[in-house]
């Protein structure tokens, strides 16, 4: 439910890709709509709509891992 304002605000069409034992789940979105990777990370970790306790660790300028407790997902922006 927290993600709904994010998708509507930035006109995102995210794709959730289930992980496997060697790779975490992945959330991938197209940045051609003008949505910057940093804006998504900001909303998920520092905004009023953030996921409380979530920590983001960047890997590249367009990807990284968001972690909450023992769970994690890789965030990837294409574009």
C-alpha atoms as a PDB file:
ATOM      1  CA  UNK A   1       0.000   0.000   0.000  1.00  0.00           C
ATOM      2  CA  UNK A   2       2.863   2.391   0.714  1.00  0.00           C
ATOM      3  CA  UNK A   3       4.044   2.069  -2.871  1.00  0.00           C
ATOM      4  CA  UNK A   4       0.821   3.313  -4.489  1.00  0.00           C
ATOM      5  CA  UNK A   5       1.607   7.060  -4.125  1.00  0.00           C
ATOM      6  CA  UNK A   6       5.087   6.369  -5.488  1.00  0.00           C
ATOM      7  CA  UNK A   7       3.782   4.678  -8.645  1.00  0.00           C
ATOM      8  CA  UNK A   8       1.106   7.321  -9.281  1.00  0.00           C
ATOM      9  CA  UNK A   9       3.356  10.312  -8.507  1.00  0.00           C
ATOM     10  CA  UNK A  10       6.079   9.222 -10.924  1.00  0.00           C
ATOM     11  CA  UNK A  11       3.877   7.338 -13.420  1.00  0.00           C
ATOM     12  CA  UNK A  12       5.878   4.162 -12.815  1.00  0.00           C
ATOM     13  CA  UNK A  13       5.167   0.711 -14.166  1.00  0.00           C
ATOM     14  CA  UNK A  14       7.350  -1.433 -11.924  1.00  0.00           C
ATOM     15  CA  UNK A  15       8.038  -5.105 -12.485  1.00  0.00           C
ATOM     16  CA  UNK A  16       8.539  -7.385  -9.513  1.00  0.00           C
ATOM     17  CA  UNK A  17      10.913 -10.236 -10.327  1.00  0.00           C
ATOM     18  CA  UNK A  18      11.008 -13.036  -7.744  1.00  0.00           C
ATOM     19  CA  UNK A  19      14.471 -13.945  -6.556  1.00  0.00           C
ATOM     20  CA  UNK A  20      16.070 -17.301  -6.077  1.00  0.00           C
ATOM     21  CA  UNK A  21      18.382 -18.719  -3.393  1.00  0.00           C
ATOM     22  CA  UNK A  22      21.412 -16.912  -4.869  1.00  0.00           C
ATOM     23  CA  UNK A  23      19.781 -13.566  -5.745  1.00  0.00           C
ATOM     24  CA  UNK A  24      17.317 -11.369  -3.849  1.00  0.00           C
ATOM     25  CA  UNK A  25      13.965 -10.302  -5.278  1.00  0.00           C
ATOM     26  CA  UNK A  26      14.271  -7.416  -7.737  1.00  0.00           C
ATOM     27  CA  UNK A  27      12.129  -4.329  -8.296  1.00  0.00           C
ATOM     28  CA  UNK A  28      12.850  -2.886 -11.741  1.00  0.00           C
ATOM     29  CA  UNK A  29      11.448   0.291 -13.297  1.00  0.00           C
ATOM     30  CA  UNK A  30      11.995   2.281 -16.466  1.00  0.00           C
ATOM     31  CA  UNK A  31      13.415   5.764 -15.896  1.00  0.00           C
ATOM     32  CA  UNK A  32      12.324   7.048 -19.302  1.00  0.00           C
ATOM     33  CA  UNK A  33       9.277   8.498 -17.541  1.00  0.00           C
ATOM     34  CA  UNK A  34      11.677  10.930 -15.846  1.00  0.00           C
ATOM     35  CA  UNK A  35      11.792   9.127 -12.513  1.00  0.00           C
ATOM     36  CA  UNK A  36      15.299   9.197 -11.149  1.00  0.00           C
ATOM     37  CA  UNK A  37      16.683   6.325  -9.097  1.00  0.00           C
ATOM     38  CA  UNK A  38      17.575   8.681  -6.233  1.00  0.00           C
ATOM     39  CA  UNK A  39      13.961   9.901  -5.983  1.00  0.00           C
ATOM     40  CA  UNK A  40      12.673   6.355  -5.565  1.00  0.00           C
ATOM     41  CA  UNK A  41      15.297   5.587  -2.906  1.00  0.00           C
ATOM     42  CA  UNK A  42      14.448   8.847  -1.116  1.00  0.00           C
ATOM     43  CA  UNK A  43      10.742   7.969  -1.017  1.00  0.00           C
ATOM     44  CA  UNK A  44      11.348   4.418   0.180  1.00  0.00           C
ATOM     45  CA  UNK A  45      13.858   5.275   2.907  1.00  0.00           C
ATOM     46  CA  UNK A  46      13.528   8.924   3.999  1.00  0.00           C
ATOM     47  CA  UNK A  47      10.130  10.392   3.055  1.00  0.00           C
ATOM     48  CA  UNK A  48       6.946  10.438   5.122  1.00  0.00           C
ATOM     49  CA  UNK A  49       5.852   7.355   3.127  1.00  0.00           C
ATOM     50  CA  UNK A  50       9.119   5.508   3.835  1.00  0.00           C
ATOM     51  CA  UNK A  51       9.374   1.907   4.909  1.00  0.00           C
ATOM     52  CA  UNK A  52      10.301   2.322   8.591  1.00  0.00           C
ATOM     53  CA  UNK A  53      13.664   0.715   9.303  1.00  0.00           C
ATOM     54  CA  UNK A  54      14.561   0.162   5.638  1.00  0.00           C
ATOM     55  CA  UNK A  55      18.201   0.724   4.725  1.00  0.00           C
ATOM     56  CA  UNK A  56      19.468   1.259   1.171  1.00  0.00           C
ATOM     57  CA  UNK A  57      22.955   0.202   0.066  1.00  0.00           C
ATOM     58  CA  UNK A  58      23.904   1.384  -3.435  1.00  0.00           C
ATOM     59  CA  UNK A  59      25.836  -0.875  -5.825  1.00  0.00           C
ATOM     60  CA  UNK A  60      25.894   1.379  -8.893  1.00  0.00           C
ATOM     61  CA  UNK A  61      24.239   4.730  -9.696  1.00  0.00           C
ATOM     62  CA  UNK A  62      21.212   2.799 -10.996  1.00  0.00           C
ATOM     63  CA  UNK A  63      20.985  -0.131  -8.587  1.00  0.00           C
ATOM     64  CA  UNK A  64      21.353  -1.195  -5.007  1.00  0.00           C
ATOM     65  CA  UNK A  65      19.770  -3.256  -2.264  1.00  0.00           C
ATOM     66  CA  UNK A  66      17.074  -2.184   0.132  1.00  0.00           C
ATOM     67  CA  UNK A  67      17.032  -4.193   3.336  1.00  0.00           C
ATOM     68  CA  UNK A  68      14.523  -4.500   6.138  1.00  0.00           C
ATOM     69  CA  UNK A  69      15.522  -6.892   8.884  1.00  0.00           C
ATOM     70  CA  UNK A  70      16.542 -10.165   7.263  1.00  0.00           C
ATOM     71  CA  UNK A  71      14.651  -9.416   4.036  1.00  0.00           C
ATOM     72  CA  UNK A  72      16.064  -7.596   1.042  1.00  0.00           C
ATOM     73  CA  UNK A  73      15.250  -6.618  -2.526  1.00  0.00           C
ATOM     74  CA  UNK A  74      17.408  -5.262  -5.294  1.00  0.00           C
ATOM     75  CA  UNK A  75      16.225  -1.918  -6.753  1.00  0.00           C
ATOM     76  CA  UNK A  76      17.135  -1.415 -10.407  1.00  0.00           C
ATOM     77  CA  UNK A  77      16.278   1.495 -12.672  1.00  0.00           C
ATOM     78  CA  UNK A  78      16.562   1.001 -16.427  1.00  0.00           C
ATOM     79  CA  UNK A  79      17.099   3.940 -18.651  1.00  0.00           C
END
